[in-house]
Amino acid sequence: MIKKFYGGKFISKERLFNEGINYPIKIDYYKICDNTENKEITQYGLEIVKTEYKTEKINVENEQVLKVTKEEKIIDNILEKLKKNEVTPIIAKYIVEDLVYNL
């Protein structure tokens, strides 16, 4: 299994303020390439890592969704939508299921 950094972003201060959060939050998105079962077929998945930079400590939360598709173009499209909409790990599986179902 190979994990490649796809992109990351800090959630806007305005959005955090509107939600009553007064510390920075960064979300990183990773593409996971898995061809361990059959060397000729690559399965693509993803991981989302959320880092909260609180004054007293740093909290890290992550979620992997494996074997989403066999097409790299599709996983790139999904990752772009997740990043654009600042999707966090807690709802990642549900959003990915909806996106794959509506392909």
Protein backbone atom coordinates (compact mmCIF):
# COMPACT_ATOMS: atom_id res chain seq x y z
CA MET A 1 0.00 0.00 0.00
CA ILE A 2 1.33 3.42 -0.98
CA LYS A 3 -0.01 6.66 0.49
CA LYS A 4 0.56 9.86 -1.53
CA PHE A 5 -0.15 13.38 -0.30
CA TYR A 6 -2.92 14.87 -2.46
CA GLY A 7 -3.40 18.26 -0.85
CA GLY A 8 -4.23 20.10 2.33
CA LYS A 9 -5.77 23.29 3.58
CA PHE A 10 -6.56 25.23 6.70
CA ILE A 11 -10.26 25.75 7.32
CA SER A 12 -11.05 29.45 6.91
CA LYS A 13 -11.06 31.57 10.08
CA GLU A 14 -14.53 32.83 9.15
CA ARG A 15 -16.01 29.32 8.99
CA LEU A 16 -14.33 28.36 12.27
CA PHE A 17 -15.57 31.55 13.94
CA ASN A 18 -19.13 30.87 12.72
CA GLU A 19 -18.93 27.42 14.32
CA GLY A 20 -17.57 28.81 17.60
CA ILE A 21 -14.07 27.40 17.14
CA ASN A 22 -11.16 29.68 18.06
CA TYR A 23 -8.15 27.56 17.03
CA PRO A 24 -6.71 26.60 13.61
CA ILE A 25 -7.72 23.34 11.94
CA LYS A 26 -5.86 21.81 9.00
CA ILE A 27 -7.17 19.00 6.82
CA ASP A 28 -4.84 16.86 4.69
CA TYR A 29 -5.98 14.51 1.95
CA TYR A 30 -4.07 11.42 0.79
CA LYS A 31 -4.51 9.04 -2.14
CA ILE A 32 -3.94 5.39 -1.26
CA CYS A 33 -2.79 2.99 -3.98
CA ASP A 34 -3.11 -0.70 -3.12
CA ASN A 35 -2.07 -3.48 -5.46
CA THR A 36 -1.00 -6.09 -2.91
CA GLU A 37 -3.67 -8.68 -3.75
CA ASN A 38 -3.06 -8.71 -7.49
CA LYS A 39 -0.07 -6.88 -8.94
CA GLU A 40 -1.97 -6.11 -12.15
CA ILE A 41 -4.99 -4.44 -10.53
CA THR A 42 -4.60 -1.31 -8.44
CA GLN A 43 -7.34 -0.29 -6.03
CA TYR A 44 -7.50 3.36 -5.02
CA GLY A 45 -8.69 4.70 -1.71
CA LEU A 46 -8.12 7.77 0.41
CA GLU A 47 -7.29 9.06 3.84
CA ILE A 48 -8.32 12.32 5.49
CA VAL A 49 -6.33 13.67 8.44
CA LYS A 50 -7.67 16.54 10.54
CA THR A 51 -5.28 18.36 12.87
CA GLU A 52 -6.63 20.76 15.52
CA TYR A 53 -4.03 23.18 16.86
CA LYS A 54 -5.44 23.86 20.32
CA THR A 55 -3.45 25.94 22.80
CA GLU A 56 -3.04 23.12 25.30
CA LYS A 57 -2.51 20.26 22.83
CA ILE A 58 -2.73 19.11 19.22
CA ASN A 59 -5.52 16.68 18.33
CA VAL A 60 -5.25 14.47 15.26
CA GLU A 61 -8.16 12.52 13.78
CA ASN A 62 -8.07 10.42 10.63
CA GLU A 63 -10.20 8.13 8.51
CA GLN A 64 -9.29 5.79 5.67
CA VAL A 65 -11.68 4.64 2.97
CA LEU A 66 -9.97 1.82 1.10
CA LYS A 67 -10.70 0.17 -2.25
CA VAL A 68 -13.04 2.86 -3.55
CA THR A 69 -12.27 2.43 -7.26
CA LYS A 70 -9.88 0.89 -9.77
CA GLU A 71 -9.64 4.16 -11.71
CA GLU A 72 -7.15 6.80 -10.59
CA LYS A 73 -9.09 9.55 -12.39
CA ILE A 74 -12.15 8.80 -10.24
CA ILE A 75 -10.27 8.89 -6.93
CA ASP A 76 -8.60 12.18 -7.97
CA ASN A 77 -12.04 13.64 -8.73
CA ILE A 78 -13.38 12.48 -5.35
CA LEU A 79 -10.35 13.88 -3.49
CA GLU A 80 -10.74 17.22 -5.25
CA LYS A 81 -14.41 17.44 -4.18
CA LEU A 82 -13.56 16.48 -0.60
CA LYS A 83 -10.79 19.08 -0.43
CA LYS A 84 -12.92 21.82 -2.02
CA ASN A 85 -15.70 21.21 0.49
CA GLU A 86 -13.37 20.78 3.48
CA VAL A 87 -14.73 17.31 4.32
CA THR A 88 -13.48 16.03 7.67
CA PRO A 89 -12.72 12.44 8.72
CA ILE A 90 -15.89 11.98 10.74
CA ILE A 91 -18.15 12.09 7.66
CA ALA A 92 -15.66 10.87 5.03
CA LYS A 93 -17.13 7.37 4.52
CA TYR A 94 -20.67 8.69 4.02
CA ILE A 95 -19.62 11.36 1.54
CA VAL A 96 -17.43 8.94 -0.43
CA GLU A 97 -20.28 6.40 -0.58
CA ASP A 98 -22.62 9.09 -1.93
CA LEU A 99 -20.07 10.26 -4.51
CA VAL A 100 -19.34 6.71 -5.73
CA TYR A 101 -23.04 5.80 -5.84
CA ASN A 102 -23.77 8.87 -8.00
CA LEU A 103 -21.02 8.26 -10.57
